[in-house]
Amino acid sequence: MKKASYLFLLIATLTFSSCGFYSFTGASIPPGVETYQVNRFENTALLIEPGLERDFKIALEDLIQNQTNLNLVPSGGDLVYEGEITEYRISPTTATADQIAAQNRLTISVKLRFYNKKKEEDDLEQSFSFFYDFPGSDQLLGSQKTEAHEEIFERLTQDIFNATLAKW
């Protein structure tokens, strides 16, 4: 019986110690990295949606905060996220026989610059884009616009997290 408990303890120790610096969210945080900062994402899109850059910045900060044990700092972070919102576009995706939009698509694109001050080979510059489809008879207003932004931000921030910390 004692041999079985020692064997279980050995297996458990090896299993958990082999996980290293990984978290249950899949984040691979290099040793010594304790802080992150998210700089303003300037909105350079042709169609400007007021407050979009603030909402995106907050969504990215919240996702990193919720999925890691890193501390958010206003400056001097070990990890730095910055960039631009390069596209905010509503376009028809399908049409009816009368040449009227049956479905529209909101597309938001972000150009990210990521700097890891502890491991510079992890630095990244990449564009991310996602969309939200809605009926052509609807206007993107109120709660539907909020829902569209939240759905797009959820996907964009998760893609950014995966590219910078999960290495997917």
N, C-alpha and C. Protein backbone atom coordinates (compact mmCIF):
# COMPACT_ATOMS: atom_id res chain seq x y z
N MET A 1 0.82 -1.19 0.00
CA MET A 1 0.00 0.00 0.00
C MET A 1 0.86 1.25 0.00
N LYS A 2 1.98 1.23 0.78
CA LYS A 2 2.86 2.38 0.84
C LYS A 2 3.51 2.63 -0.51
N LYS A 3 3.86 1.53 -1.22
CA LYS A 3 4.49 1.68 -2.53
C LYS A 3 3.53 2.37 -3.51
N ALA A 4 2.27 2.04 -3.44
CA ALA A 4 1.27 2.66 -4.34
C ALA A 4 1.13 4.15 -4.06
N SER A 5 1.14 4.53 -2.78
CA SER A 5 1.01 5.96 -2.46
C SER A 5 2.27 6.72 -2.85
N TYR A 6 3.44 6.10 -2.67
CA TYR A 6 4.68 6.75 -3.10
C TYR A 6 4.72 6.90 -4.63
N LEU A 7 4.25 5.87 -5.32
CA LEU A 7 4.21 5.92 -6.77
C LEU A 7 3.26 7.02 -7.25
N PHE A 8 2.08 7.10 -6.62
CA PHE A 8 1.12 8.16 -6.97
C PHE A 8 1.72 9.54 -6.71
N LEU A 9 2.38 9.71 -5.57
CA LEU A 9 3.01 10.99 -5.23
C LEU A 9 4.09 11.35 -6.24
N LEU A 10 4.88 10.38 -6.66
CA LEU A 10 5.93 10.61 -7.64
C LEU A 10 5.34 11.02 -8.99
N ILE A 11 4.31 10.32 -9.42
CA ILE A 11 3.66 10.64 -10.70
C ILE A 11 3.04 12.03 -10.65
N ALA A 12 2.35 12.34 -9.56
CA ALA A 12 1.71 13.65 -9.42
C ALA A 12 2.75 14.76 -9.43
N THR A 13 3.86 14.56 -8.73
CA THR A 13 4.92 15.56 -8.68
C THR A 13 5.51 15.80 -10.06
N LEU A 14 5.81 14.72 -10.77
CA LEU A 14 6.38 14.86 -12.11
C LEU A 14 5.39 15.51 -13.07
N THR A 15 4.14 15.17 -12.96
CA THR A 15 3.12 15.73 -13.85
C THR A 15 3.00 17.23 -13.66
N PHE A 16 2.88 17.66 -12.42
CA PHE A 16 2.67 19.09 -12.17
C PHE A 16 3.94 19.91 -12.33
N SER A 17 5.10 19.33 -12.07
CA SER A 17 6.34 20.09 -12.24
C SER A 17 6.71 20.23 -13.72
N SER A 18 6.22 19.32 -14.56
CA SER A 18 6.54 19.41 -15.99
C SER A 18 5.73 20.50 -16.68
N CYS A 19 4.71 21.01 -16.01
CA CYS A 19 3.89 22.06 -16.62
C CYS A 19 4.63 23.38 -16.69
N GLY A 20 5.67 23.56 -15.90
CA GLY A 20 6.50 24.76 -15.99
C GLY A 20 5.72 26.03 -15.80
N PHE A 21 5.83 26.94 -16.77
CA PHE A 21 5.21 28.24 -16.67
C PHE A 21 3.91 28.33 -17.46
N TYR A 22 3.29 27.22 -17.71
CA TYR A 22 2.03 27.21 -18.43
C TYR A 22 0.87 27.37 -17.46
N SER A 23 -0.21 27.91 -17.94
CA SER A 23 -1.40 28.04 -17.10
C SER A 23 -2.50 27.19 -17.71
N PHE A 24 -3.62 27.11 -17.02
CA PHE A 24 -4.74 26.31 -17.52
C PHE A 24 -5.37 26.94 -18.75
N THR A 25 -5.07 28.21 -19.04
CA THR A 25 -5.60 28.86 -20.23
C THR A 25 -4.70 28.64 -21.43
N GLY A 26 -3.56 27.99 -21.23
CA GLY A 26 -2.65 27.75 -22.34
C GLY A 26 -1.59 28.82 -22.47
N ALA A 27 -1.57 29.79 -21.56
CA ALA A 27 -0.58 30.86 -21.63
C ALA A 27 0.80 30.33 -21.28
N SER A 28 1.79 30.76 -22.04
CA SER A 28 3.17 30.40 -21.79
C SER A 28 3.90 31.70 -21.44
N ILE A 29 4.01 31.99 -20.17
CA ILE A 29 4.60 33.24 -19.72
C ILE A 29 6.05 32.98 -19.33
N PRO A 30 7.00 33.67 -20.00
CA PRO A 30 8.41 33.46 -19.71
C PRO A 30 8.75 33.84 -18.26
N PRO A 31 9.78 33.22 -17.70
CA PRO A 31 10.20 33.56 -16.33
C PRO A 31 10.54 35.04 -16.23
N GLY A 32 10.18 35.65 -15.12
CA GLY A 32 10.50 37.06 -14.88
C GLY A 32 9.47 38.04 -15.40
N VAL A 33 8.53 37.58 -16.20
CA VAL A 33 7.48 38.46 -16.72
C VAL A 33 6.37 38.54 -15.68
N GLU A 34 6.14 39.75 -15.17
CA GLU A 34 5.15 39.94 -14.12
C GLU A 34 4.10 40.99 -14.47
N THR A 35 4.40 41.86 -15.43
CA THR A 35 3.49 42.97 -15.73
C THR A 35 3.22 43.08 -17.22
N TYR A 36 2.10 43.75 -17.54
CA TYR A 36 1.79 44.05 -18.92
C TYR A 36 1.12 45.41 -18.99
N GLN A 37 1.23 46.03 -20.14
CA GLN A 37 0.56 47.30 -20.37
C GLN A 37 -0.10 47.26 -21.73
N VAL A 38 -1.24 47.92 -21.83
CA VAL A 38 -1.94 48.04 -23.10
C VAL A 38 -2.03 49.52 -23.41
N ASN A 39 -1.29 49.94 -24.42
CA ASN A 39 -1.32 51.33 -24.84
C ASN A 39 -2.57 51.59 -25.69
N ARG A 40 -2.84 52.83 -25.94
CA ARG A 40 -4.00 53.22 -26.73
C ARG A 40 -3.90 52.64 -28.14
N PHE A 41 -5.00 52.10 -28.63
CA PHE A 41 -5.09 51.64 -30.01
C PHE A 41 -5.78 52.76 -30.79
N GLU A 42 -5.00 53.54 -31.52
CA GLU A 42 -5.55 54.66 -32.26
C GLU A 42 -6.47 54.15 -33.37
N ASN A 43 -7.59 54.85 -33.55
CA ASN A 43 -8.55 54.46 -34.57
C ASN A 43 -8.22 55.20 -35.86
N THR A 44 -7.63 54.48 -36.83
CA THR A 44 -7.25 55.08 -38.12
C THR A 44 -8.16 54.60 -39.24
N ALA A 45 -9.26 53.94 -38.89
CA ALA A 45 -10.20 53.45 -39.90
C ALA A 45 -10.85 54.63 -40.62
N LEU A 46 -11.31 54.39 -41.84
CA LEU A 46 -11.99 55.44 -42.59
C LEU A 46 -13.32 55.82 -41.94
N LEU A 47 -14.03 54.84 -41.42
CA LEU A 47 -15.29 55.08 -40.70
C LEU A 47 -14.96 55.04 -39.20
N ILE A 48 -15.14 56.17 -38.52
CA ILE A 48 -14.79 56.28 -37.11
C ILE A 48 -16.01 56.02 -36.25
N GLU A 49 -15.90 55.07 -35.35
CA GLU A 49 -16.94 54.80 -34.37
C GLU A 49 -16.44 55.34 -33.03
N PRO A 50 -17.07 56.38 -32.49
CA PRO A 50 -16.60 57.00 -31.24
C PRO A 50 -16.50 56.00 -30.10
N GLY A 51 -15.40 56.05 -29.37
CA GLY A 51 -15.19 55.20 -28.21
C GLY A 51 -14.71 53.79 -28.52
N LEU A 52 -14.59 53.45 -29.79
CA LEU A 52 -14.21 52.09 -30.16
C LEU A 52 -12.82 51.73 -29.63
N GLU A 53 -11.87 52.65 -29.74
CA GLU A 53 -10.51 52.36 -29.30
C GLU A 53 -10.46 52.15 -27.79
N ARG A 54 -11.23 52.91 -27.03
CA ARG A 54 -11.28 52.74 -25.57
C ARG A 54 -11.87 51.38 -25.21
N ASP A 55 -12.98 51.03 -25.86
CA ASP A 55 -13.64 49.75 -25.58
C ASP A 55 -12.74 48.57 -25.94
N PHE A 56 -12.01 48.67 -27.05
CA PHE A 56 -11.11 47.58 -27.44
C PHE A 56 -9.98 47.44 -26.43
N LYS A 57 -9.39 48.55 -26.03
CA LYS A 57 -8.30 48.54 -25.05
C LYS A 57 -8.75 47.87 -23.75
N ILE A 58 -9.92 48.22 -23.27
CA ILE A 58 -10.46 47.64 -22.03
C ILE A 58 -10.72 46.14 -22.21
N ALA A 59 -11.26 45.74 -23.36
CA ALA A 59 -11.52 44.32 -23.62
C ALA A 59 -10.23 43.52 -23.60
N LEU A 60 -9.16 44.06 -24.20
CA LEU A 60 -7.88 43.35 -24.22
C LEU A 60 -7.27 43.29 -22.82
N GLU A 61 -7.33 44.39 -22.08
CA GLU A 61 -6.82 44.39 -20.71
C GLU A 61 -7.56 43.35 -19.85
N ASP A 62 -8.88 43.33 -19.97
CA ASP A 62 -9.69 42.41 -19.17
C ASP A 62 -9.38 40.95 -19.50
N LEU A 63 -9.23 40.63 -20.78
CA LEU A 63 -8.95 39.25 -21.15
C LEU A 63 -7.62 38.78 -20.58
N ILE A 64 -6.59 39.59 -20.71
CA ILE A 64 -5.27 39.22 -20.19
C ILE A 64 -5.32 39.10 -18.66
N GLN A 65 -6.01 40.03 -18.03
CA GLN A 65 -6.15 40.01 -16.57
C GLN A 65 -6.86 38.75 -16.10
N ASN A 66 -7.90 38.34 -16.82
CA ASN A 66 -8.69 37.17 -16.43
C ASN A 66 -8.01 35.85 -16.74
N GLN A 67 -7.10 35.81 -17.71
CA GLN A 67 -6.51 34.54 -18.12
C GLN A 67 -5.07 34.36 -17.68
N THR A 68 -4.51 35.35 -17.01
CA THR A 68 -3.13 35.22 -16.51
C THR A 68 -3.07 35.79 -15.09
N ASN A 69 -1.90 35.68 -14.48
CA ASN A 69 -1.69 36.31 -13.18
C ASN A 69 -0.81 37.55 -13.31
N LEU A 70 -0.71 38.09 -14.54
CA LEU A 70 0.08 39.29 -14.78
C LEU A 70 -0.63 40.51 -14.20
N ASN A 71 0.16 41.50 -13.81
CA ASN A 71 -0.38 42.74 -13.26
C ASN A 71 -0.40 43.82 -14.33
N LEU A 72 -1.51 44.50 -14.47
CA LEU A 72 -1.66 45.60 -15.42
C LEU A 72 -0.98 46.85 -14.85
N VAL A 73 -0.11 47.47 -15.66
CA VAL A 73 0.56 48.71 -15.25
C VAL A 73 0.38 49.75 -16.36
N PRO A 74 0.38 51.04 -16.01
CA PRO A 74 0.19 52.08 -17.02
C PRO A 74 1.42 52.30 -17.91
N SER A 75 2.62 51.98 -17.38
CA SER A 75 3.84 52.13 -18.19
C SER A 75 4.92 51.22 -17.61
N GLY A 76 5.93 50.94 -18.44
CA GLY A 76 7.05 50.12 -18.00
C GLY A 76 6.72 48.65 -17.86
N GLY A 77 5.71 48.15 -18.55
CA GLY A 77 5.33 46.75 -18.46
C GLY A 77 6.33 45.83 -19.13
N ASP A 78 6.40 44.60 -18.64
CA ASP A 78 7.27 43.60 -19.26
C ASP A 78 6.75 43.22 -20.65
N LEU A 79 5.43 43.21 -20.79
CA LEU A 79 4.78 42.96 -22.08
C LEU A 79 4.03 44.23 -22.46
N VAL A 80 4.17 44.64 -23.72
CA VAL A 80 3.52 45.86 -24.18
C VAL A 80 2.69 45.54 -25.42
N TYR A 81 1.42 45.95 -25.37
CA TYR A 81 0.48 45.80 -26.48
C TYR A 81 0.13 47.19 -26.98
N GLU A 82 0.23 47.40 -28.29
CA GLU A 82 -0.18 48.66 -28.88
C GLU A 82 -0.49 48.45 -30.35
N GLY A 83 -1.09 49.44 -30.98
CA GLY A 83 -1.40 49.30 -32.39
C GLY A 83 -2.48 50.26 -32.82
N GLU A 84 -3.17 49.89 -33.89
CA GLU A 84 -4.22 50.73 -34.47
C GLU A 84 -5.42 49.87 -34.85
N ILE A 85 -6.58 50.50 -34.78
CA ILE A 85 -7.78 49.92 -35.38
C ILE A 85 -7.76 50.43 -36.83
N THR A 86 -7.52 49.54 -37.76
CA THR A 86 -7.28 49.94 -39.14
C THR A 86 -8.52 49.85 -40.02
N GLU A 87 -9.55 49.12 -39.55
CA GLU A 87 -10.74 48.98 -40.39
C GLU A 87 -11.98 48.86 -39.51
N TYR A 88 -12.99 49.62 -39.88
CA TYR A 88 -14.34 49.51 -39.31
C TYR A 88 -15.25 49.70 -40.50
N ARG A 89 -15.80 48.60 -41.01
CA ARG A 89 -16.52 48.66 -42.28
C ARG A 89 -17.79 47.84 -42.21
N ILE A 90 -18.85 48.42 -42.74
CA ILE A 90 -20.11 47.70 -42.90
C ILE A 90 -20.32 47.52 -44.40
N SER A 91 -20.51 46.27 -44.80
CA SER A 91 -20.68 45.98 -46.23
C SER A 91 -21.73 44.90 -46.42
N PRO A 92 -22.43 44.94 -47.55
CA PRO A 92 -23.40 43.88 -47.83
C PRO A 92 -22.68 42.58 -48.18
N THR A 93 -23.25 41.47 -47.72
CA THR A 93 -22.63 40.17 -48.03
C THR A 93 -23.50 39.36 -48.98
N THR A 94 -24.82 39.54 -48.89
CA THR A 94 -25.74 38.86 -49.81
C THR A 94 -26.82 39.84 -50.23
N ALA A 95 -27.40 39.61 -51.39
CA ALA A 95 -28.42 40.51 -51.90
C ALA A 95 -29.67 39.72 -52.27
N THR A 96 -30.79 40.43 -52.29
CA THR A 96 -32.06 39.83 -52.73
C THR A 96 -32.18 39.97 -54.24
N ALA A 97 -33.24 39.45 -54.80
CA ALA A 97 -33.47 39.57 -56.25
C ALA A 97 -33.67 41.03 -56.65
N ASP A 98 -34.08 41.88 -55.72
CA ASP A 98 -34.29 43.30 -56.00
C ASP A 98 -33.02 44.14 -55.81
N GLN A 99 -31.88 43.47 -55.66
CA GLN A 99 -30.59 44.13 -55.45
C GLN A 99 -30.56 44.94 -54.15
N ILE A 100 -31.23 44.40 -53.12
CA ILE A 100 -31.22 45.00 -51.79
C ILE A 100 -30.43 44.05 -50.88
N ALA A 101 -29.66 44.62 -49.99
CA ALA A 101 -28.84 43.79 -49.09
C ALA A 101 -29.72 42.92 -48.22
N ALA A 102 -29.51 41.61 -48.29
CA ALA A 102 -30.22 40.68 -47.43
C ALA A 102 -29.47 40.49 -46.12
N GLN A 103 -28.15 40.67 -46.18
CA GLN A 103 -27.33 40.53 -44.99
C GLN A 103 -26.15 41.49 -45.09
N ASN A 104 -25.81 42.11 -43.98
CA ASN A 104 -24.67 43.01 -43.90
C ASN A 104 -23.62 42.42 -42.97
N ARG A 105 -22.40 42.89 -43.12
CA ARG A 105 -21.29 42.41 -42.30
C ARG A 105 -20.51 43.61 -41.75
N LEU A 106 -20.35 43.64 -40.44
CA LEU A 106 -19.45 44.60 -39.80
C LEU A 106 -18.11 43.91 -39.63
N THR A 107 -17.06 44.52 -40.15
CA THR A 107 -15.71 43.99 -40.03
C THR A 107 -14.85 44.99 -39.27
N ILE A 108 -14.13 44.50 -38.28
CA ILE A 108 -13.17 45.32 -37.54
C ILE A 108 -11.81 44.65 -37.66
N SER A 109 -10.80 45.44 -38.05
CA SER A 109 -9.43 44.94 -38.16
C SER A 109 -8.52 45.75 -37.25
N VAL A 110 -7.55 45.07 -36.67
CA VAL A 110 -6.62 45.69 -35.74
C VAL A 110 -5.21 45.30 -36.14
N LYS A 111 -4.32 46.28 -36.16
CA LYS A 111 -2.89 45.99 -36.36
C LYS A 111 -2.23 46.06 -34.99
N LEU A 112 -1.61 44.95 -34.59
CA LEU A 112 -1.01 44.83 -33.27
C LEU A 112 0.51 44.88 -33.35
N ARG A 113 1.10 45.58 -32.40
CA ARG A 113 2.53 45.51 -32.15
C ARG A 113 2.69 45.04 -30.71
N PHE A 114 3.38 43.91 -30.54
CA PHE A 114 3.57 43.31 -29.22
C PHE A 114 5.06 43.26 -28.93
N TYR A 115 5.43 43.73 -27.74
CA TYR A 115 6.84 43.73 -27.32
C TYR A 115 6.97 42.97 -26.01
N ASN A 116 7.89 42.01 -25.98
CA ASN A 116 8.21 41.28 -24.76
C ASN A 116 9.60 41.74 -24.35
N LYS A 117 9.69 42.57 -23.33
CA LYS A 117 10.96 43.15 -22.91
C LYS A 117 11.90 42.13 -22.27
N LYS A 118 11.37 40.99 -21.87
CA LYS A 118 12.20 39.94 -21.26
C LYS A 118 12.68 38.90 -22.28
N LYS A 119 11.99 38.83 -23.42
CA LYS A 119 12.32 37.83 -24.44
C LYS A 119 11.98 38.44 -25.81
N GLU A 120 12.90 39.23 -26.34
CA GLU A 120 12.64 40.02 -27.54
C GLU A 120 12.31 39.18 -28.78
N GLU A 121 12.73 37.94 -28.81
CA GLU A 121 12.40 37.09 -29.97
C GLU A 121 10.91 36.80 -30.04
N ASP A 122 10.17 37.10 -28.98
CA ASP A 122 8.71 36.92 -28.99
C ASP A 122 7.97 38.13 -29.53
N ASP A 123 8.68 39.24 -29.82
CA ASP A 123 8.02 40.44 -30.35
C ASP A 123 7.24 40.07 -31.61
N LEU A 124 6.14 40.77 -31.83
CA LEU A 124 5.23 40.41 -32.91
C LEU A 124 4.57 41.64 -33.48
N GLU A 125 4.44 41.68 -34.78
CA GLU A 125 3.63 42.69 -35.46
C GLU A 125 2.74 41.93 -36.43
N GLN A 126 1.42 42.03 -36.19
CA GLN A 126 0.48 41.22 -36.97
C GLN A 126 -0.88 41.90 -37.00
N SER A 127 -1.63 41.65 -38.06
CA SER A 127 -2.99 42.17 -38.17
C SER A 127 -3.99 41.07 -37.83
N PHE A 128 -5.08 41.48 -37.19
CA PHE A 128 -6.16 40.58 -36.82
C PHE A 128 -7.47 41.19 -37.29
N SER A 129 -8.40 40.35 -37.70
CA SER A 129 -9.67 40.83 -38.21
C SER A 129 -10.77 39.83 -37.88
N PHE A 130 -11.96 40.37 -37.61
CA PHE A 130 -13.12 39.50 -37.41
C PHE A 130 -14.37 40.27 -37.80
N PHE A 131 -15.49 39.57 -37.93
CA PHE A 131 -16.70 40.19 -38.45
C PHE A 131 -17.94 39.74 -37.68
N TYR A 132 -19.02 40.46 -37.91
CA TYR A 132 -20.33 40.16 -37.32
C TYR A 132 -21.36 40.37 -38.42
N ASP A 133 -22.17 39.35 -38.71
CA ASP A 133 -23.21 39.45 -39.73
C ASP A 133 -24.55 39.81 -39.08
N PHE A 134 -25.32 40.65 -39.77
CA PHE A 134 -26.64 41.03 -39.28
C PHE A 134 -27.57 41.25 -40.47
N PRO A 135 -28.89 41.15 -40.24
CA PRO A 135 -29.84 41.26 -41.35
C PRO A 135 -29.73 42.60 -42.08
N GLY A 136 -29.88 42.56 -43.38
CA GLY A 136 -29.79 43.78 -44.19
C GLY A 136 -30.89 44.78 -43.89
N SER A 137 -32.00 44.31 -43.36
CA SER A 137 -33.10 45.21 -43.03
C SER A 137 -32.87 45.96 -41.71
N ASP A 138 -31.87 45.54 -40.93
CA ASP A 138 -31.57 46.17 -39.64
C ASP A 138 -30.50 47.24 -39.79
N GLN A 139 -30.57 48.22 -38.90
CA GLN A 139 -29.49 49.19 -38.79
C GLN A 139 -28.69 48.81 -37.55
N LEU A 140 -27.41 48.97 -37.61
CA LEU A 140 -26.53 48.60 -36.50
C LEU A 140 -26.57 49.72 -35.45
N LEU A 141 -27.54 49.62 -34.54
CA LEU A 141 -27.75 50.62 -33.51
C LEU A 141 -27.98 49.96 -32.16
N GLY A 142 -27.78 50.72 -31.11
CA GLY A 142 -28.14 50.30 -29.76
C GLY A 142 -27.55 48.98 -29.33
N SER A 143 -28.44 48.11 -28.83
CA SER A 143 -27.98 46.84 -28.26
C SER A 143 -27.38 45.92 -29.33
N GLN A 144 -27.86 46.02 -30.56
CA GLN A 144 -27.29 45.17 -31.61
C GLN A 144 -25.85 45.59 -31.92
N LYS A 145 -25.59 46.90 -31.92
CA LYS A 145 -24.22 47.37 -32.15
C LYS A 145 -23.32 46.95 -30.98
N THR A 146 -23.81 47.07 -29.76
CA THR A 146 -23.05 46.65 -28.58
C THR A 146 -22.73 45.16 -28.66
N GLU A 147 -23.73 44.35 -29.02
CA GLU A 147 -23.53 42.91 -29.17
C GLU A 147 -22.50 42.61 -30.26
N ALA A 148 -22.57 43.33 -31.37
CA ALA A 148 -21.62 43.13 -32.48
C ALA A 148 -20.20 43.44 -32.02
N HIS A 149 -20.03 44.58 -31.37
CA HIS A 149 -18.69 44.96 -30.89
C HIS A 149 -18.16 43.94 -29.89
N GLU A 150 -19.00 43.52 -28.94
CA GLU A 150 -18.56 42.55 -27.94
C GLU A 150 -18.14 41.22 -28.57
N GLU A 151 -18.92 40.75 -29.54
CA GLU A 151 -18.60 39.48 -30.19
C GLU A 151 -17.29 39.59 -30.97
N ILE A 152 -17.11 40.68 -31.70
CA ILE A 152 -15.88 40.87 -32.46
C ILE A 152 -14.69 41.03 -31.52
N PHE A 153 -14.84 41.84 -30.46
CA PHE A 153 -13.75 42.05 -29.51
C PHE A 153 -13.36 40.74 -28.81
N GLU A 154 -14.36 39.92 -28.49
CA GLU A 154 -14.06 38.64 -27.84
C GLU A 154 -13.16 37.79 -28.73
N ARG A 155 -13.46 37.74 -30.01
CA ARG A 155 -12.65 36.94 -30.94
C ARG A 155 -11.28 37.57 -31.19
N LEU A 156 -11.25 38.89 -31.41
CA LEU A 156 -9.98 39.57 -31.68
C LEU A 156 -9.03 39.46 -30.49
N THR A 157 -9.54 39.72 -29.28
CA THR A 157 -8.67 39.68 -28.10
C THR A 157 -8.18 38.26 -27.83
N GLN A 158 -9.04 37.26 -28.05
CA GLN A 158 -8.60 35.88 -27.86
C GLN A 158 -7.55 35.49 -28.89
N ASP A 159 -7.72 35.93 -30.14
CA ASP A 159 -6.71 35.66 -31.17
C ASP A 159 -5.38 36.33 -30.82
N ILE A 160 -5.44 37.56 -30.31
CA ILE A 160 -4.22 38.27 -29.89
C ILE A 160 -3.56 37.55 -28.72
N PHE A 161 -4.37 37.15 -27.76
CA PHE A 161 -3.84 36.40 -26.60
C PHE A 161 -3.15 35.12 -27.07
N ASN A 162 -3.81 34.37 -27.95
CA ASN A 162 -3.23 33.13 -28.46
C ASN A 162 -1.93 33.36 -29.20
N ALA A 163 -1.85 34.43 -29.98
CA ALA A 163 -0.65 34.70 -30.77
C ALA A 163 0.51 35.18 -29.91
N THR A 164 0.21 35.88 -28.82
CA THR A 164 1.29 36.47 -28.01
C THR A 164 1.65 35.66 -26.78
N LEU A 165 0.69 35.01 -26.16
CA LEU A 165 0.97 34.30 -24.92
C LEU A 165 0.76 32.79 -25.00
N ALA A 166 -0.13 32.34 -25.83
CA ALA A 166 -0.37 30.89 -25.93
C ALA A 166 0.44 30.27 -27.06
N LYS A 167 0.93 31.10 -27.96
CA LYS A 167 1.77 30.66 -29.09
C LYS A 167 1.05 29.64 -29.97
N TRP A 168 -0.23 29.91 -30.24
CA TRP A 168 -1.02 29.03 -31.11
C TRP A 168 -0.98 29.53 -32.52
